[in-house]
Amino acid sequence: MKTEEHAEPAAVFLQRVTAAVSELKDQLQQDYERTYPGLGEIKRGIRQELVLQPYRAGLVLRLYRA
């Protein structure tokens, strides 16, 4: 019974923290893009390439083994 009473406030707290962190991230991104116009696109492209590299490496290894 006590666990149920505390579960709802904990869930609300986590939702508020998540929303605050998300808002802060958005504000920081906007500040960054205002300070360094045009670099946001470059940064996103680099991040995308870094995410895709392991998949491409795995594909090459699978093709090499086949």
N, C-alpha and C. Protein backbone atom coordinates (compact mmCIF):
# COMPACT_ATOMS: atom_id res chain seq x y z
N MET A 1 0.82 -1.18 0.00
CA MET A 1 0.00 0.00 0.00
C MET A 1 0.87 1.26 0.00
N LYS A 2 1.92 1.30 0.82
CA LYS A 2 2.77 2.48 0.88
C LYS A 2 3.52 2.69 -0.44
N THR A 3 3.89 1.61 -1.08
CA THR A 3 4.60 1.72 -2.35
C THR A 3 3.72 2.40 -3.39
N GLU A 4 2.44 2.06 -3.43
CA GLU A 4 1.52 2.67 -4.38
C GLU A 4 1.36 4.16 -4.11
N GLU A 5 1.34 4.55 -2.85
CA GLU A 5 1.19 5.96 -2.50
C GLU A 5 2.39 6.77 -2.96
N HIS A 6 3.57 6.19 -2.94
CA HIS A 6 4.78 6.90 -3.32
C HIS A 6 5.10 6.77 -4.81
N ALA A 7 4.46 5.85 -5.48
CA ALA A 7 4.76 5.64 -6.89
C ALA A 7 4.32 6.83 -7.74
N GLU A 8 3.16 7.37 -7.46
CA GLU A 8 2.66 8.46 -8.28
C GLU A 8 3.53 9.72 -8.15
N PRO A 9 3.87 10.18 -6.93
CA PRO A 9 4.75 11.35 -6.85
C PRO A 9 6.11 11.11 -7.50
N ALA A 10 6.63 9.90 -7.40
CA ALA A 10 7.92 9.59 -8.03
C ALA A 10 7.79 9.68 -9.54
N ALA A 11 6.70 9.18 -10.08
CA ALA A 11 6.49 9.23 -11.54
C ALA A 11 6.35 10.68 -12.00
N VAL A 12 5.64 11.49 -11.23
CA VAL A 12 5.48 12.89 -11.58
C VAL A 12 6.83 13.60 -11.54
N PHE A 13 7.62 13.30 -10.51
CA PHE A 13 8.95 13.89 -10.40
C PHE A 13 9.82 13.53 -11.61
N LEU A 14 9.82 12.26 -11.98
CA LEU A 14 10.61 11.82 -13.14
C LEU A 14 10.15 12.49 -14.42
N GLN A 15 8.84 12.65 -14.58
CA GLN A 15 8.33 13.34 -15.78
C GLN A 15 8.79 14.79 -15.81
N ARG A 16 8.76 15.45 -14.65
CA ARG A 16 9.18 16.85 -14.58
C ARG A 16 10.68 16.99 -14.85
N VAL A 17 11.47 16.10 -14.30
CA VAL A 17 12.91 16.15 -14.54
C VAL A 17 13.21 15.89 -16.01
N THR A 18 12.55 14.92 -16.60
CA THR A 18 12.73 14.61 -18.02
C THR A 18 12.36 15.81 -18.89
N ALA A 19 11.25 16.45 -18.57
CA ALA A 19 10.82 17.62 -19.34
C ALA A 19 11.82 18.77 -19.17
N ALA A 20 12.31 18.98 -17.95
CA ALA A 20 13.27 20.07 -17.71
C ALA A 20 14.58 19.82 -18.44
N VAL A 21 15.06 18.60 -18.43
CA VAL A 21 16.31 18.27 -19.14
C VAL A 21 16.12 18.44 -20.64
N SER A 22 14.99 18.03 -21.15
CA SER A 22 14.70 18.18 -22.58
C SER A 22 14.65 19.66 -22.96
N GLU A 23 14.00 20.47 -22.13
CA GLU A 23 13.93 21.91 -22.40
C GLU A 23 15.31 22.55 -22.34
N LEU A 24 16.11 22.16 -21.37
CA LEU A 24 17.47 22.69 -21.26
C LEU A 24 18.30 22.30 -22.48
N LYS A 25 18.17 21.06 -22.93
CA LYS A 25 18.90 20.61 -24.12
C LYS A 25 18.51 21.44 -25.33
N ASP A 26 17.21 21.69 -25.49
CA ASP A 26 16.74 22.51 -26.62
C ASP A 26 17.29 23.93 -26.54
N GLN A 27 17.29 24.51 -25.34
CA GLN A 27 17.82 25.86 -25.17
C GLN A 27 19.31 25.92 -25.48
N LEU A 28 20.05 24.94 -25.02
CA LEU A 28 21.48 24.90 -25.29
C LEU A 28 21.76 24.74 -26.78
N GLN A 29 20.96 23.91 -27.46
CA GLN A 29 21.13 23.72 -28.90
C GLN A 29 20.85 25.03 -29.64
N GLN A 30 19.81 25.73 -29.23
CA GLN A 30 19.49 27.02 -29.86
C GLN A 30 20.60 28.03 -29.62
N ASP A 31 21.12 28.09 -28.40
CA ASP A 31 22.23 29.00 -28.10
C ASP A 31 23.45 28.66 -28.94
N TYR A 32 23.74 27.38 -29.07
CA TYR A 32 24.89 26.93 -29.85
C TYR A 32 24.73 27.36 -31.31
N GLU A 33 23.54 27.14 -31.86
CA GLU A 33 23.31 27.47 -33.26
C GLU A 33 23.33 28.98 -33.50
N ARG A 34 22.91 29.77 -32.49
CA ARG A 34 23.01 31.22 -32.63
C ARG A 34 24.46 31.67 -32.57
N THR A 35 25.26 31.03 -31.72
CA THR A 35 26.66 31.39 -31.56
C THR A 35 27.48 30.94 -32.76
N TYR A 36 27.21 29.75 -33.26
CA TYR A 36 27.96 29.17 -34.38
C TYR A 36 27.00 28.82 -35.52
N PRO A 37 26.51 29.82 -36.24
CA PRO A 37 25.54 29.52 -37.31
C PRO A 37 26.16 28.63 -38.38
N GLY A 38 25.40 27.65 -38.81
CA GLY A 38 25.85 26.76 -39.87
C GLY A 38 26.59 25.53 -39.37
N LEU A 39 27.15 25.59 -38.17
CA LEU A 39 27.89 24.43 -37.68
C LEU A 39 26.98 23.33 -37.16
N GLY A 40 25.75 23.67 -36.87
CA GLY A 40 24.80 22.65 -36.40
C GLY A 40 24.59 21.56 -37.42
N GLU A 41 24.48 21.95 -38.69
CA GLU A 41 24.30 20.96 -39.76
C GLU A 41 25.54 20.08 -39.91
N ILE A 42 26.69 20.68 -39.81
CA ILE A 42 27.94 19.91 -39.91
C ILE A 42 28.03 18.92 -38.76
N LYS A 43 27.69 19.39 -37.56
CA LYS A 43 27.74 18.53 -36.38
C LYS A 43 26.77 17.36 -36.52
N ARG A 44 25.56 17.63 -37.02
CA ARG A 44 24.58 16.56 -37.20
C ARG A 44 25.06 15.55 -38.24
N GLY A 45 25.70 16.04 -39.31
CA GLY A 45 26.24 15.14 -40.33
C GLY A 45 27.34 14.25 -39.78
N ILE A 46 28.21 14.83 -38.97
CA ILE A 46 29.29 14.05 -38.36
C ILE A 46 28.71 13.01 -37.42
N ARG A 47 27.73 13.41 -36.61
CA ARG A 47 27.11 12.47 -35.67
C ARG A 47 26.46 11.33 -36.42
N GLN A 48 25.79 11.64 -37.53
CA GLN A 48 25.14 10.60 -38.32
C GLN A 48 26.17 9.63 -38.88
N GLU A 49 27.29 10.15 -39.37
CA GLU A 49 28.35 9.29 -39.90
C GLU A 49 28.91 8.38 -38.81
N LEU A 50 29.10 8.94 -37.61
CA LEU A 50 29.64 8.14 -36.50
C LEU A 50 28.68 7.03 -36.10
N VAL A 51 27.39 7.29 -36.20
CA VAL A 51 26.40 6.28 -35.86
C VAL A 51 26.38 5.19 -36.93
N LEU A 52 26.56 5.57 -38.19
CA LEU A 52 26.47 4.60 -39.29
C LEU A 52 27.74 3.76 -39.46
N GLN A 53 28.88 4.23 -38.99
CA GLN A 53 30.14 3.51 -39.19
C GLN A 53 30.11 2.07 -38.68
N PRO A 54 29.64 1.82 -37.46
CA PRO A 54 29.63 0.41 -37.01
C PRO A 54 28.76 -0.48 -37.88
N TYR A 55 27.64 0.03 -38.36
CA TYR A 55 26.76 -0.77 -39.22
C TYR A 55 27.44 -1.08 -40.54
N ARG A 56 28.10 -0.08 -41.10
CA ARG A 56 28.81 -0.30 -42.36
C ARG A 56 29.95 -1.29 -42.18
N ALA A 57 30.67 -1.17 -41.07
CA ALA A 57 31.78 -2.10 -40.80
C ALA A 57 31.25 -3.52 -40.67
N GLY A 58 30.12 -3.68 -40.00
CA GLY A 58 29.52 -5.01 -39.85
C GLY A 58 29.09 -5.57 -41.19
N LEU A 59 28.56 -4.73 -42.06
CA LEU A 59 28.15 -5.17 -43.39
C LEU A 59 29.35 -5.62 -44.20
N VAL A 60 30.44 -4.87 -44.14
CA VAL A 60 31.65 -5.23 -44.88
C VAL A 60 32.18 -6.57 -44.37
N LEU A 61 32.19 -6.76 -43.05
CA LEU A 61 32.67 -8.03 -42.51
C LEU A 61 31.79 -9.19 -42.96
N ARG A 62 30.48 -8.98 -42.98
CA ARG A 62 29.58 -10.05 -43.42
C ARG A 62 29.79 -10.37 -44.90
N LEU A 63 29.99 -9.35 -45.72
CA LEU A 63 30.22 -9.59 -47.14
C LEU A 63 31.56 -10.27 -47.37
N TYR A 64 32.55 -9.91 -46.57
CA TYR A 64 33.89 -10.49 -46.69
C TYR A 64 33.86 -11.98 -46.33
N ARG A 65 33.07 -12.32 -45.30
CA ARG A 65 33.00 -13.72 -44.84
C ARG A 65 32.17 -14.57 -45.78
N ALA A 66 31.28 -13.98 -46.53
CA ALA A 66 30.36 -14.74 -47.38
C ALA A 66 31.02 -15.37 -48.56
